[in-house]
Amino acid sequence: MEAEKWGRRIRAFRKLKGFTQEGFARELGVSVSILGEIERGNRMPAPALIEQIAQALKVTQEELAPGQEQD
């Protein structure tokens, strides 16, 4: 469940910032299949990768973290 939330947030921010999945995977230095697994919630990103993703998207880790949505 937690991995799914992270994946949805990462995908949403990636699209918002205009990255394709291929381009973003290249930026992070991971394969497209790994990024796809993360975005689908099949794989939990490692803390170091979360930090790298936040930096690449120019957001804080707190903004990227799931559960921060305002209702």
PDB file of N, CA and C in Angstrom:
ATOM      1  N   MET A   1       0.821  -1.205   0.000  1.00  0.00           N
ATOM      2  CA  MET A   1       0.000   0.000   0.000  1.00  0.00           C
ATOM      3  C   MET A   1       0.858   1.260   0.000  1.00  0.00           C
ATOM      4  N   GLU A   2       1.866   1.272   0.863  1.00  0.00           N
ATOM      5  CA  GLU A   2       2.758   2.433   0.934  1.00  0.00           C
ATOM      6  C   GLU A   2       3.483   2.657  -0.387  1.00  0.00           C
ATOM      7  N   ALA A   3       3.928   1.561  -1.007  1.00  0.00           N
ATOM      8  CA  ALA A   3       4.628   1.669  -2.293  1.00  0.00           C
ATOM      9  C   ALA A   3       3.711   2.258  -3.363  1.00  0.00           C
ATOM     10  N   GLU A   4       2.423   1.890  -3.326  1.00  0.00           N
ATOM     11  CA  GLU A   4       1.466   2.431  -4.299  1.00  0.00           C
ATOM     12  C   GLU A   4       1.322   3.939  -4.141  1.00  0.00           C
ATOM     13  N   LYS A   5       1.262   4.405  -2.902  1.00  0.00           N
ATOM     14  CA  LYS A   5       1.132   5.843  -2.646  1.00  0.00           C
ATOM     15  C   LYS A   5       2.360   6.595  -3.149  1.00  0.00           C
ATOM     16  N   TRP A   6       3.547   6.067  -2.860  1.00  0.00           N
ATOM     17  CA  TRP A   6       4.781   6.695  -3.344  1.00  0.00           C
ATOM     18  C   TRP A   6       4.772   6.731  -4.867  1.00  0.00           C
ATOM     19  N   GLY A   7       4.402   5.608  -5.477  1.00  0.00           N
ATOM     20  CA  GLY A   7       4.406   5.533  -6.933  1.00  0.00           C
ATOM     21  C   GLY A   7       3.487   6.538  -7.582  1.00  0.00           C
ATOM     22  N   ARG A   8       2.283   6.689  -7.039  1.00  0.00           N
ATOM     23  CA  ARG A   8       1.333   7.675  -7.584  1.00  0.00           C
ATOM     24  C   ARG A   8       1.881   9.091  -7.458  1.00  0.00           C
ATOM     25  N   ARG A   9       2.483   9.390  -6.321  1.00  0.00           N
ATOM     26  CA  ARG A   9       3.036  10.738  -6.106  1.00  0.00           C
ATOM     27  C   ARG A   9       4.197  11.016  -7.062  1.00  0.00           C
ATOM     28  N   ILE A  10       5.090  10.034  -7.195  1.00  0.00           N
ATOM     29  CA  ILE A  10       6.245  10.214  -8.076  1.00  0.00           C
ATOM     30  C   ILE A  10       5.779  10.405  -9.516  1.00  0.00           C
ATOM     31  N   ARG A  11       4.841   9.570  -9.969  1.00  0.00           N
ATOM     32  CA  ARG A  11       4.325   9.689 -11.336  1.00  0.00           C
ATOM     33  C   ARG A  11       3.665  11.055 -11.552  1.00  0.00           C
ATOM     34  N   ALA A  12       2.855  11.494 -10.600  1.00  0.00           N
ATOM     35  CA  ALA A  12       2.157  12.775 -10.735  1.00  0.00           C
ATOM     36  C   ALA A  12       3.146  13.937 -10.821  1.00  0.00           C
ATOM     37  N   PHE A  13       4.146  13.948  -9.946  1.00  0.00           N
ATOM     38  CA  PHE A  13       5.143  15.022  -9.984  1.00  0.00           C
ATOM     39  C   PHE A  13       5.971  14.954 -11.262  1.00  0.00           C
ATOM     40  N   ARG A  14       6.307  13.729 -11.708  1.00  0.00           N
ATOM     41  CA  ARG A  14       7.095  13.581 -12.941  1.00  0.00           C
ATOM     42  C   ARG A  14       6.341  14.187 -14.112  1.00  0.00           C
ATOM     43  N   LYS A  15       5.054  13.873 -14.218  1.00  0.00           N
ATOM     44  CA  LYS A  15       4.245  14.399 -15.320  1.00  0.00           C
ATOM     45  C   LYS A  15       4.071  15.908 -15.195  1.00  0.00           C
ATOM     46  N   LEU A  16       3.861  16.378 -13.985  1.00  0.00           N
ATOM     47  CA  LEU A  16       3.699  17.813 -13.742  1.00  0.00           C
ATOM     48  C   LEU A  16       4.938  18.591 -14.187  1.00  0.00           C
ATOM     49  N   LYS A  17       6.110  17.998 -13.980  1.00  0.00           N
ATOM     50  CA  LYS A  17       7.364  18.662 -14.348  1.00  0.00           C
ATOM     51  C   LYS A  17       7.756  18.429 -15.797  1.00  0.00           C
ATOM     52  N   GLY A  18       6.929  17.664 -16.545  1.00  0.00           N
ATOM     53  CA  GLY A  18       7.143  17.502 -17.977  1.00  0.00           C
ATOM     54  C   GLY A  18       8.124  16.409 -18.382  1.00  0.00           C
ATOM     55  N   PHE A  19       8.456  15.514 -17.473  1.00  0.00           N
ATOM     56  CA  PHE A  19       9.365  14.419 -17.803  1.00  0.00           C
ATOM     57  C   PHE A  19       8.588  13.248 -18.399  1.00  0.00           C
ATOM     58  N   THR A  20       9.166  12.610 -19.425  1.00  0.00           N
ATOM     59  CA  THR A  20       8.651  11.309 -19.852  1.00  0.00           C
ATOM     60  C   THR A  20       9.243  10.280 -18.903  1.00  0.00           C
ATOM     61  N   GLN A  21       8.668   9.096 -18.901  1.00  0.00           N
ATOM     62  CA  GLN A  21       9.204   8.039 -18.045  1.00  0.00           C
ATOM     63  C   GLN A  21      10.636   7.700 -18.472  1.00  0.00           C
ATOM     64  N   GLU A  22      10.863   7.647 -19.778  1.00  0.00           N
ATOM     65  CA  GLU A  22      12.192   7.329 -20.290  1.00  0.00           C
ATOM     66  C   GLU A  22      13.208   8.409 -19.916  1.00  0.00           C
ATOM     67  N   GLY A  23      12.833   9.656 -20.115  1.00  0.00           N
ATOM     68  CA  GLY A  23      13.731  10.756 -19.790  1.00  0.00           C
ATOM     69  C   GLY A  23      14.038  10.847 -18.307  1.00  0.00           C
ATOM     70  N   PHE A  24      13.025  10.599 -17.487  1.00  0.00           N
ATOM     71  CA  PHE A  24      13.222  10.681 -16.040  1.00  0.00           C
ATOM     72  C   PHE A  24      14.087   9.531 -15.548  1.00  0.00           C
ATOM     73  N   ALA A  25      13.868   8.332 -16.093  1.00  0.00           N
ATOM     74  CA  ALA A  25      14.701   7.191 -15.722  1.00  0.00           C
ATOM     75  C   ALA A  25      16.160   7.475 -16.069  1.00  0.00           C
ATOM     76  N   ARG A  26      16.391   8.044 -17.238  1.00  0.00           N
ATOM     77  CA  ARG A  26      17.754   8.397 -17.653  1.00  0.00           C
ATOM     78  C   ARG A  26      18.358   9.430 -16.700  1.00  0.00           C
ATOM     79  N   GLU A  27      17.565  10.434 -16.322  1.00  0.00           N
ATOM     80  CA  GLU A  27      18.018  11.472 -15.377  1.00  0.00           C
ATOM     81  C   GLU A  27      18.435  10.854 -14.040  1.00  0.00           C
ATOM     82  N   LEU A  28      17.702   9.835 -13.598  1.00  0.00           N
ATOM     83  CA  LEU A  28      17.978   9.192 -12.313  1.00  0.00           C
ATOM     84  C   LEU A  28      19.064   8.123 -12.409  1.00  0.00           C
ATOM     85  N   GLY A  29      19.346   7.666 -13.624  1.00  0.00           N
ATOM     86  CA  GLY A  29      20.319   6.598 -13.797  1.00  0.00           C
ATOM     87  C   GLY A  29      19.762   5.225 -13.450  1.00  0.00           C
ATOM     88  N   VAL A  30      18.456   5.050 -13.630  1.00  0.00           N
ATOM     89  CA  VAL A  30      17.819   3.744 -13.405  1.00  0.00           C
ATOM     90  C   VAL A  30      17.156   3.318 -14.708  1.00  0.00           C
ATOM     91  N   SER A  31      16.801   2.048 -14.798  1.00  0.00           N
ATOM     92  CA  SER A  31      16.132   1.570 -16.007  1.00  0.00           C
ATOM     93  C   SER A  31      14.666   2.008 -15.998  1.00  0.00           C
ATOM     94  N   VAL A  32      14.099   2.062 -17.195  1.00  0.00           N
ATOM     95  CA  VAL A  32      12.688   2.414 -17.332  1.00  0.00           C
ATOM     96  C   VAL A  32      11.827   1.385 -16.601  1.00  0.00           C
ATOM     97  N   SER A  33      12.242   0.120 -16.643  1.00  0.00           N
ATOM     98  CA  SER A  33      11.444  -0.915 -15.979  1.00  0.00           C
ATOM     99  C   SER A  33      11.421  -0.722 -14.466  1.00  0.00           C
ATOM    100  N   ILE A  34      12.539  -0.305 -13.876  1.00  0.00           N
ATOM    101  CA  ILE A  34      12.559  -0.043 -12.426  1.00  0.00           C
ATOM    102  C   ILE A  34      11.657   1.143 -12.097  1.00  0.00           C
ATOM    103  N   LEU A  35      11.768   2.218 -12.866  1.00  0.00           N
ATOM    104  CA  LEU A  35      10.912   3.377 -12.614  1.00  0.00           C
ATOM    105  C   LEU A  35       9.448   2.997 -12.785  1.00  0.00           C
ATOM    106  N   GLY A  36       9.138   2.202 -13.796  1.00  0.00           N
ATOM    107  CA  GLY A  36       7.759   1.752 -14.012  1.00  0.00           C
ATOM    108  C   GLY A  36       7.240   0.938 -12.835  1.00  0.00           C
ATOM    109  N   GLU A  37       8.077   0.059 -12.302  1.00  0.00           N
ATOM    110  CA  GLU A  37       7.665  -0.735 -11.139  1.00  0.00           C
ATOM    111  C   GLU A  37       7.400   0.152  -9.933  1.00  0.00           C
ATOM    112  N   ILE A  38       8.224   1.167  -9.748  1.00  0.00           N
ATOM    113  CA  ILE A  38       8.028   2.104  -8.632  1.00  0.00           C
ATOM    114  C   ILE A  38       6.706   2.852  -8.828  1.00  0.00           C
ATOM    115  N   GLU A  39       6.494   3.382 -10.030  1.00  0.00           N
ATOM    116  CA  GLU A  39       5.284   4.168 -10.291  1.00  0.00           C
ATOM    117  C   GLU A  39       4.008   3.335 -10.202  1.00  0.00           C
ATOM    118  N   ARG A  40       4.097   2.055 -10.511  1.00  0.00           N
ATOM    119  CA  ARG A  40       2.921   1.174 -10.396  1.00  0.00           C
ATOM    120  C   ARG A  40       2.716   0.668  -8.975  1.00  0.00           C
ATOM    121  N   GLY A  41       3.665   0.947  -8.095  1.00  0.00           N
ATOM    122  CA  GLY A  41       3.533   0.520  -6.708  1.00  0.00           C
ATOM    123  C   GLY A  41       4.009  -0.897  -6.463  1.00  0.00           C
ATOM    124  N   ASN A  42       4.729  -1.477  -7.407  1.00  0.00           N
ATOM    125  CA  ASN A  42       5.252  -2.827  -7.246  1.00  0.00           C
ATOM    126  C   ASN A  42       6.597  -2.851  -6.528  1.00  0.00           C
ATOM    127  N   ARG A  43       7.219  -1.690  -6.396  1.00  0.00           N
ATOM    128  CA  ARG A  43       8.538  -1.601  -5.775  1.00  0.00           C
ATOM    129  C   ARG A  43       8.609  -0.320  -4.965  1.00  0.00           C
ATOM    130  N   MET A  44       9.102  -0.427  -3.749  1.00  0.00           N
ATOM    131  CA  MET A  44       9.286   0.750  -2.886  1.00  0.00           C
ATOM    132  C   MET A  44      10.648   1.366  -3.196  1.00  0.00           C
ATOM    133  N   PRO A  45      10.694   2.662  -3.496  1.00  0.00           N
ATOM    134  CA  PRO A  45      11.990   3.283  -3.771  1.00  0.00           C
ATOM    135  C   PRO A  45      12.842   3.358  -2.497  1.00  0.00           C
ATOM    136  N   ALA A  46      14.130   3.118  -2.660  1.00  0.00           N
ATOM    137  CA  ALA A  46      15.067   3.218  -1.542  1.00  0.00           C
ATOM    138  C   ALA A  46      15.157   4.677  -1.097  1.00  0.00           C
ATOM    139  N   PRO A  47      15.474   4.911   0.181  1.00  0.00           N
ATOM    140  CA  PRO A  47      15.594   6.295   0.667  1.00  0.00           C
ATOM    141  C   PRO A  47      16.538   7.160  -0.169  1.00  0.00           C
ATOM    142  N   ALA A  48      17.649   6.596  -0.615  1.00  0.00           N
ATOM    143  CA  ALA A  48      18.591   7.371  -1.439  1.00  0.00           C
ATOM    144  C   ALA A  48      17.958   7.748  -2.779  1.00  0.00           C
ATOM    145  N   LEU A  49      17.152   6.845  -3.350  1.00  0.00           N
ATOM    146  CA  LEU A  49      16.491   7.136  -4.614  1.00  0.00           C
ATOM    147  C   LEU A  49      15.396   8.183  -4.424  1.00  0.00           C
ATOM    148  N   ILE A  50      14.700   8.125  -3.305  1.00  0.00           N
ATOM    149  CA  ILE A  50      13.678   9.141  -3.004  1.00  0.00           C
ATOM    150  C   ILE A  50      14.327  10.520  -2.962  1.00  0.00           C
ATOM    151  N   GLU A  51      15.474  10.607  -2.322  1.00  0.00           N
ATOM    152  CA  GLU A  51      16.201  11.886  -2.254  1.00  0.00           C
ATOM    153  C   GLU A  51      16.594  12.353  -3.656  1.00  0.00           C
ATOM    154  N   GLN A  52      17.077  11.431  -4.473  1.00  0.00           N
ATOM    155  CA  GLN A  52      17.479  11.752  -5.838  1.00  0.00           C
ATOM    156  C   GLN A  52      16.273  12.188  -6.680  1.00  0.00           C
ATOM    157  N   ILE A  53      15.152  11.518  -6.516  1.00  0.00           N
ATOM    158  CA  ILE A  53      13.932  11.868  -7.247  1.00  0.00           C
ATOM    159  C   ILE A  53      13.478  13.282  -6.867  1.00  0.00           C
ATOM    160  N   ALA A  54      13.469  13.566  -5.577  1.00  0.00           N
ATOM    161  CA  ALA A  54      13.050  14.894  -5.112  1.00  0.00           C
ATOM    162  C   ALA A  54      13.952  15.985  -5.698  1.00  0.00           C
ATOM    163  N   GLN A  55      15.257  15.738  -5.707  1.00  0.00           N
ATOM    164  CA  GLN A  55      16.185  16.721  -6.266  1.00  0.00           C
ATOM    165  C   GLN A  55      15.943  16.926  -7.760  1.00  0.00           C
ATOM    166  N   ALA A  56      15.744  15.822  -8.492  1.00  0.00           N
ATOM    167  CA  ALA A  56      15.525  15.916  -9.935  1.00  0.00           C
ATOM    168  C   ALA A  56      14.227  16.662 -10.253  1.00  0.00           C
ATOM    169  N   LEU A  57      13.213  16.492  -9.395  1.00  0.00           N
ATOM    170  CA  LEU A  57      11.923  17.159  -9.609  1.00  0.00           C
ATOM    171  C   LEU A  57      11.873  18.557  -8.999  1.00  0.00           C
ATOM    172  N   LYS A  58      12.942  18.917  -8.278  1.00  0.00           N
ATOM    173  CA  LYS A  58      13.024  20.231  -7.615  1.00  0.00           C
ATOM    174  C   LYS A  58      11.887  20.436  -6.622  1.00  0.00           C
ATOM    175  N   VAL A  59      11.626  19.380  -5.832  1.00  0.00           N
ATOM    176  CA  VAL A  59      10.664  19.450  -4.738  1.00  0.00           C
ATOM    177  C   VAL A  59      11.353  18.902  -3.492  1.00  0.00           C
ATOM    178  N   THR A  60      10.777  19.169  -2.326  1.00  0.00           N
ATOM    179  CA  THR A  60      11.336  18.605  -1.107  1.00  0.00           C
ATOM    180  C   THR A  60      10.830  17.175  -0.952  1.00  0.00           C
ATOM    181  N   GLN A  61      11.535  16.405  -0.139  1.00  0.00           N
ATOM    182  CA  GLN A  61      11.079  15.043   0.138  1.00  0.00           C
ATOM    183  C   GLN A  61       9.733  15.070   0.852  1.00  0.00           C
ATOM    184  N   GLU A  62       9.493  16.108   1.646  1.00  0.00           N
ATOM    185  CA  GLU A  62       8.217  16.236   2.349  1.00  0.00           C
ATOM    186  C   GLU A  62       7.074  16.459   1.361  1.00  0.00           C
ATOM    187  N   GLU A  63       7.319  17.267   0.315  1.00  0.00           N
ATOM    188  CA  GLU A  63       6.288  17.480  -0.706  1.00  0.00           C
ATOM    189  C   GLU A  63       6.010  16.193  -1.480  1.00  0.00           C
ATOM    190  N   LEU A  64       7.057  15.431  -1.725  1.00  0.00           N
ATOM    191  CA  LEU A  64       6.937  14.204  -2.493  1.00  0.00           C
ATOM    192  C   LEU A  64       6.265  13.082  -1.700  1.00  0.00           C
ATOM    193  N   ALA A  65       6.435  13.104  -0.396  1.00  0.00           N
ATOM    194  CA  ALA A  65       5.931  12.019   0.458  1.00  0.00           C
ATOM    195  C   ALA A  65       4.412  11.915   0.391  1.00  0.00           C
ATOM    196  N   PRO A  66       3.893  10.686   0.355  1.00  0.00           N
ATOM    197  CA  PRO A  66       2.438  10.522   0.348  1.00  0.00           C
ATOM    198  C   PRO A  66       1.821  10.915   1.689  1.00  0.00           C
ATOM    199  N   GLY A  67       0.552  11.223   1.641  1.00  0.00           N
ATOM    200  CA  GLY A  67      -0.165  11.562   2.869  1.00  0.00           C
ATOM    201  C   GLY A  67      -0.124  13.033   3.209  1.00  0.00           C
ATOM    202  N   GLN A  68       0.441  13.837   2.321  1.00  0.00           N
ATOM    203  CA  GLN A  68       0.547  15.263   2.585  1.00  0.00           C
ATOM    204  C   GLN A  68      -0.541  16.073   1.884  1.00  0.00           C
ATOM    205  N   GLU A  69      -1.473  15.384   1.196  1.00  0.00           N
ATOM    206  CA  GLU A  69      -2.514  16.086   0.476  1.00  0.00           C
ATOM    207  C   GLU A  69      -3.444  16.812   1.434  1.00  0.00           C
ATOM    208  N   GLN A  70      -3.861  17.990   1.034  1.00  0.00           N
ATOM    209  CA  GLN A  70      -4.820  18.764   1.811  1.00  0.00           C
ATOM    210  C   GLN A  70      -6.217  18.446   1.294  1.00  0.00           C
ATOM    211  N   ASP A  71      -7.136  18.098   2.180  1.00  0.00           N
ATOM    212  CA  ASP A  71      -8.524  17.799   1.755  1.00  0.00           C
ATOM    213  C   ASP A  71      -9.395  19.026   1.840  1.00  0.00           C
TER     214      ASP A  71
END
